[in-house]
Amino acid sequence: MGFFSNLFGKKAQENSVTVSQQVAVREKEDDNWETIPKWIKVDDPDERRKIALIASSIAKYDDNGKEYILKNLEKRNPEYRKLGIIVASTINFMVPNSTQSITSIKKAKS
């Protein structure tokens, strides 16, 4: 029994050290990047009115006699959308007929 623990025990300890080092490196890399949100809050009153009108018309279309209250109004982030289109078209150009999905977009902190 001591033979197997000596043989396999050291590798397990070495692996745990490398895993913790990898996690530390990932956290350090994440500090240099800022996630671009998919949705942003609407601050302009005219734009809020337009978005509320669209949301209420969609809710009214699905009306079952229920009352809806809008708590948050958010719109798609134009920067995220533009970068997503650029990335998707670049991937499609480099690897035709590929099926990837973009889960998040990050940019370097300045």
Protein backbone atom coordinates (compact mmCIF):
# COMPACT_ATOMS: atom_id res chain seq x y z
CA MET A 1 0.00 0.00 0.00
CA GLY A 2 2.82 2.39 0.78
CA PHE A 3 4.22 1.74 -2.68
CA PHE A 4 1.07 2.99 -4.45
CA SER A 5 0.67 6.01 -2.18
CA ASN A 6 4.28 7.00 -2.82
CA LEU A 7 3.86 6.43 -6.53
CA PHE A 8 0.58 8.31 -6.98
CA GLY A 9 0.51 10.64 -3.97
CA LYS A 10 3.21 12.99 -5.22
CA LYS A 11 1.55 13.50 -8.58
CA ALA A 12 -1.72 14.44 -6.92
CA GLN A 13 0.04 17.09 -4.85
CA GLU A 14 1.89 18.45 -7.89
CA ASN A 15 -1.36 18.58 -9.89
CA SER A 16 -3.14 20.49 -7.13
CA VAL A 17 -0.36 23.09 -7.12
CA THR A 18 -0.51 23.52 -10.89
CA VAL A 19 -4.30 23.86 -10.82
CA SER A 20 -4.12 26.59 -8.19
CA GLN A 21 -1.43 28.35 -10.24
CA GLN A 22 -3.64 28.15 -13.34
CA VAL A 23 -6.56 29.67 -11.44
CA ALA A 24 -4.34 32.51 -10.22
CA VAL A 25 -3.16 33.18 -13.79
CA ARG A 26 -6.76 33.23 -15.07
CA GLU A 27 -7.79 35.69 -12.35
CA LYS A 28 -4.84 37.90 -13.22
CA GLU A 29 -5.79 37.80 -16.91
CA ASP A 30 -9.42 38.62 -16.07
CA ASP A 31 -8.27 41.76 -14.23
CA ASN A 32 -6.97 43.14 -17.53
CA TRP A 33 -10.26 42.64 -19.38
CA GLU A 34 -13.63 44.34 -19.13
CA THR A 35 -16.82 42.55 -20.21
CA ILE A 36 -19.03 44.44 -22.65
CA PRO A 37 -22.68 44.04 -21.57
CA LYS A 38 -25.26 42.73 -24.06
CA TRP A 39 -27.90 45.12 -22.74
CA ILE A 40 -27.59 48.72 -21.52
CA LYS A 41 -29.97 50.91 -19.56
CA VAL A 42 -31.91 53.58 -21.40
CA ASP A 43 -31.35 57.11 -20.09
CA ASP A 44 -32.87 59.27 -22.82
CA PRO A 45 -36.59 60.02 -22.08
CA ASP A 46 -37.60 59.94 -25.76
CA GLU A 47 -35.91 56.61 -26.25
CA ARG A 48 -37.51 55.27 -23.06
CA ARG A 49 -40.90 56.22 -24.45
CA LYS A 50 -40.24 54.36 -27.72
CA ILE A 51 -38.99 51.23 -25.97
CA ALA A 52 -41.89 51.28 -23.49
CA LEU A 53 -44.35 51.59 -26.39
CA ILE A 54 -42.80 48.62 -28.18
CA ALA A 55 -42.71 46.52 -25.00
CA SER A 56 -46.31 47.36 -24.09
CA SER A 57 -47.55 46.56 -27.59
CA ILE A 58 -45.84 43.16 -27.45
CA ALA A 59 -47.33 42.54 -24.00
CA LYS A 60 -50.77 43.62 -25.24
CA TYR A 61 -50.51 41.21 -28.18
CA ASP A 62 -50.05 38.35 -25.71
CA ASP A 63 -52.82 39.77 -23.51
CA ASN A 64 -54.78 37.28 -21.45
CA GLY A 65 -56.40 39.89 -19.25
CA LYS A 66 -53.20 40.33 -17.27
CA GLU A 67 -51.62 43.56 -16.10
CA TYR A 68 -47.96 44.24 -16.90
CA ILE A 69 -45.65 46.65 -15.10
CA LEU A 70 -42.38 47.70 -16.71
CA LYS A 71 -39.64 47.78 -14.08
CA ASN A 72 -36.51 47.87 -16.22
CA LEU A 73 -36.01 49.25 -19.69
CA GLU A 74 -32.88 48.09 -21.43
CA LYS A 75 -31.83 48.05 -25.04
CA ARG A 76 -29.22 46.11 -26.97
CA ASN A 77 -25.73 47.52 -26.69
CA PRO A 78 -24.78 48.77 -30.18
CA GLU A 79 -21.06 48.20 -29.47
CA TYR A 80 -21.72 44.56 -28.52
CA ARG A 81 -23.84 44.03 -31.61
CA LYS A 82 -21.25 45.55 -33.96
CA LEU A 83 -18.38 43.55 -32.46
CA GLY A 84 -20.47 40.37 -32.54
CA ILE A 85 -21.14 40.82 -36.25
CA ILE A 86 -17.44 41.45 -36.94
CA VAL A 87 -16.36 38.39 -34.95
CA ALA A 88 -19.01 36.12 -36.48
CA SER A 89 -18.18 37.18 -40.03
CA THR A 90 -14.44 36.74 -39.40
CA ILE A 91 -14.97 33.23 -38.02
CA ASN A 92 -17.26 32.37 -40.94
CA PHE A 93 -14.62 33.62 -43.40
CA MET A 94 -11.83 31.63 -41.75
CA VAL A 95 -13.85 28.45 -41.10
CA PRO A 96 -16.80 28.21 -43.54
CA ASN A 97 -19.92 26.31 -42.42
CA SER A 98 -18.91 26.50 -38.76
CA THR A 99 -21.40 26.76 -35.92
CA GLN A 100 -19.99 28.85 -33.08
CA SER A 101 -21.86 31.02 -30.63
CA ILE A 102 -20.59 34.15 -28.90
CA THR A 103 -21.08 33.95 -25.14
CA SER A 104 -19.32 37.15 -24.12
CA ILE A 105 -17.19 39.91 -25.58
CA LYS A 106 -14.39 41.51 -23.59
CA LYS A 107 -12.11 44.45 -24.24
CA ALA A 108 -8.81 45.46 -22.70
CA LYS A 109 -9.04 47.95 -19.86
CA SER A 110 -7.44 51.26 -20.69
